[in-house]
């Protein structure tokens, strides 16, 4: 009977560890998703100021810039 109780204790500890791991992964995923949206908004602001990408007013007709 003692071995049976040990089995349930170990199974319970593994289950608790698994739940904690899943919760940490969800929190990390949300944090990364927030960083992605802030990077996208920064990129849009930079495009409006023509610092990244976008068309330039002066273009070389033979060799237009790759946008």
C-alpha atoms as a PDB file:
ATOM      1  CA  UNK A   1       0.000   0.000   0.000  1.00  0.00           C
ATOM      2  CA  UNK A   2       2.916   2.355   0.656  1.00  0.00           C
ATOM      3  CA  UNK A   3       4.102   2.135  -2.971  1.00  0.00           C
ATOM      4  CA  UNK A   4       0.614   3.006  -4.191  1.00  0.00           C
ATOM      5  CA  UNK A   5       0.578   6.234  -2.140  1.00  0.00           C
ATOM      6  CA  UNK A   6       4.039   7.177  -3.393  1.00  0.00           C
ATOM      7  CA  UNK A   7       2.800   6.743  -6.978  1.00  0.00           C
ATOM      8  CA  UNK A   8      -0.071   9.190  -6.425  1.00  0.00           C
ATOM      9  CA  UNK A   9       2.197  11.737  -4.713  1.00  0.00           C
ATOM     10  CA  UNK A  10       4.669  11.651  -7.615  1.00  0.00           C
ATOM     11  CA  UNK A  11       1.839  11.842 -10.175  1.00  0.00           C
ATOM     12  CA  UNK A  12       0.378  14.835  -8.323  1.00  0.00           C
ATOM     13  CA  UNK A  13       3.725  16.643  -8.228  1.00  0.00           C
ATOM     14  CA  UNK A  14       4.250  16.072 -11.958  1.00  0.00           C
ATOM     15  CA  UNK A  15       0.748  17.383 -12.659  1.00  0.00           C
ATOM     16  CA  UNK A  16       1.348  20.512 -10.560  1.00  0.00           C
ATOM     17  CA  UNK A  17       4.692  21.118 -12.320  1.00  0.00           C
ATOM     18  CA  UNK A  18       2.974  20.727 -15.700  1.00  0.00           C
ATOM     19  CA  UNK A  19       0.262  23.239 -14.779  1.00  0.00           C
ATOM     20  CA  UNK A  20       2.861  25.779 -13.585  1.00  0.00           C
ATOM     21  CA  UNK A  21       4.827  25.304 -16.846  1.00  0.00           C
ATOM     22  CA  UNK A  22       1.708  25.885 -18.987  1.00  0.00           C
ATOM     23  CA  UNK A  23       0.797  29.045 -17.035  1.00  0.00           C
ATOM     24  CA  UNK A  24       4.334  30.432 -17.491  1.00  0.00           C
ATOM     25  CA  UNK A  25       4.204  29.715 -21.231  1.00  0.00           C
ATOM     26  CA  UNK A  26       0.875  31.554 -21.570  1.00  0.00           C
ATOM     27  CA  UNK A  27       2.258  34.587 -19.697  1.00  0.00           C
ATOM     28  CA  UNK A  28       5.387  34.587 -21.882  1.00  0.00           C
ATOM     29  CA  UNK A  29       3.282  34.319 -25.049  1.00  0.00           C
ATOM     30  CA  UNK A  30       1.178  37.326 -24.032  1.00  0.00           C
ATOM     31  CA  UNK A  31       4.295  39.370 -23.232  1.00  0.00           C
ATOM     32  CA  UNK A  32       5.831  38.569 -26.624  1.00  0.00           C
ATOM     33  CA  UNK A  33       2.545  39.407 -28.375  1.00  0.00           C
ATOM     34  CA  UNK A  34       2.549  42.838 -26.677  1.00  0.00           C
ATOM     35  CA  UNK A  35       6.130  43.475 -27.836  1.00  0.00           C
ATOM     36  CA  UNK A  36       5.167  42.537 -31.412  1.00  0.00           C
ATOM     37  CA  UNK A  37       2.331  45.065 -31.499  1.00  0.00           C
ATOM     38  CA  UNK A  38       4.539  47.845 -30.132  1.00  0.00           C
ATOM     39  CA  UNK A  39       7.163  47.097 -32.797  1.00  0.00           C
ATOM     40  CA  UNK A  40       4.514  47.222 -35.530  1.00  0.00           C
ATOM     41  CA  UNK A  41       3.228  50.589 -34.317  1.00  0.00           C
ATOM     42  CA  UNK A  42       6.772  51.981 -34.150  1.00  0.00           C
ATOM     43  CA  UNK A  43       7.434  50.794 -37.695  1.00  0.00           C
ATOM     44  CA  UNK A  44       4.263  52.542 -38.917  1.00  0.00           C
ATOM     45  CA  UNK A  45       5.371  55.779 -37.246  1.00  0.00           C
ATOM     46  CA  UNK A  46       8.815  55.508 -38.864  1.00  0.00           C
ATOM     47  CA  UNK A  47       7.245  54.923 -42.284  1.00  0.00           C
ATOM     48  CA  UNK A  48       5.180  58.078 -41.876  1.00  0.00           C
ATOM     49  CA  UNK A  49       8.394  60.026 -41.279  1.00  0.00           C
ATOM     50  CA  UNK A  50      10.021  58.274 -44.263  1.00  0.00           C
ATOM     51  CA  UNK A  51      12.847  56.901 -42.138  1.00  0.00           C
ATOM     52  CA  UNK A  52      12.117  53.311 -43.100  1.00  0.00           C
ATOM     53  CA  UNK A  53      10.954  52.234 -46.544  1.00  0.00           C
ATOM     54  CA  UNK A  54       8.466  54.401 -48.397  1.00  0.00           C
ATOM     55  CA  UNK A  55       9.131  56.262 -51.629  1.00  0.00           C
ATOM     56  CA  UNK A  56      11.626  59.069 -51.881  1.00  0.00           C
ATOM     57  CA  UNK A  57      10.866  62.240 -53.815  1.00  0.00           C
ATOM     58  CA  UNK A  58      13.965  62.020 -55.991  1.00  0.00           C
ATOM     59  CA  UNK A  59      14.283  58.786 -57.908  1.00  0.00           C
ATOM     60  CA  UNK A  60      16.787  57.701 -60.467  1.00  0.00           C
ATOM     61  CA  UNK A  61      14.665  56.664 -63.461  1.00  0.00           C
ATOM     62  CA  UNK A  62      17.172  54.020 -64.602  1.00  0.00           C
ATOM     63  CA  UNK A  63      17.789  52.579 -61.131  1.00  0.00           C
ATOM     64  CA  UNK A  64      14.741  53.162 -58.919  1.00  0.00           C
ATOM     65  CA  UNK A  65      15.290  52.371 -55.219  1.00  0.00           C
ATOM     66  CA  UNK A  66      14.097  48.967 -54.068  1.00  0.00           C
ATOM     67  CA  UNK A  67      11.270  49.521 -51.632  1.00  0.00           C
END
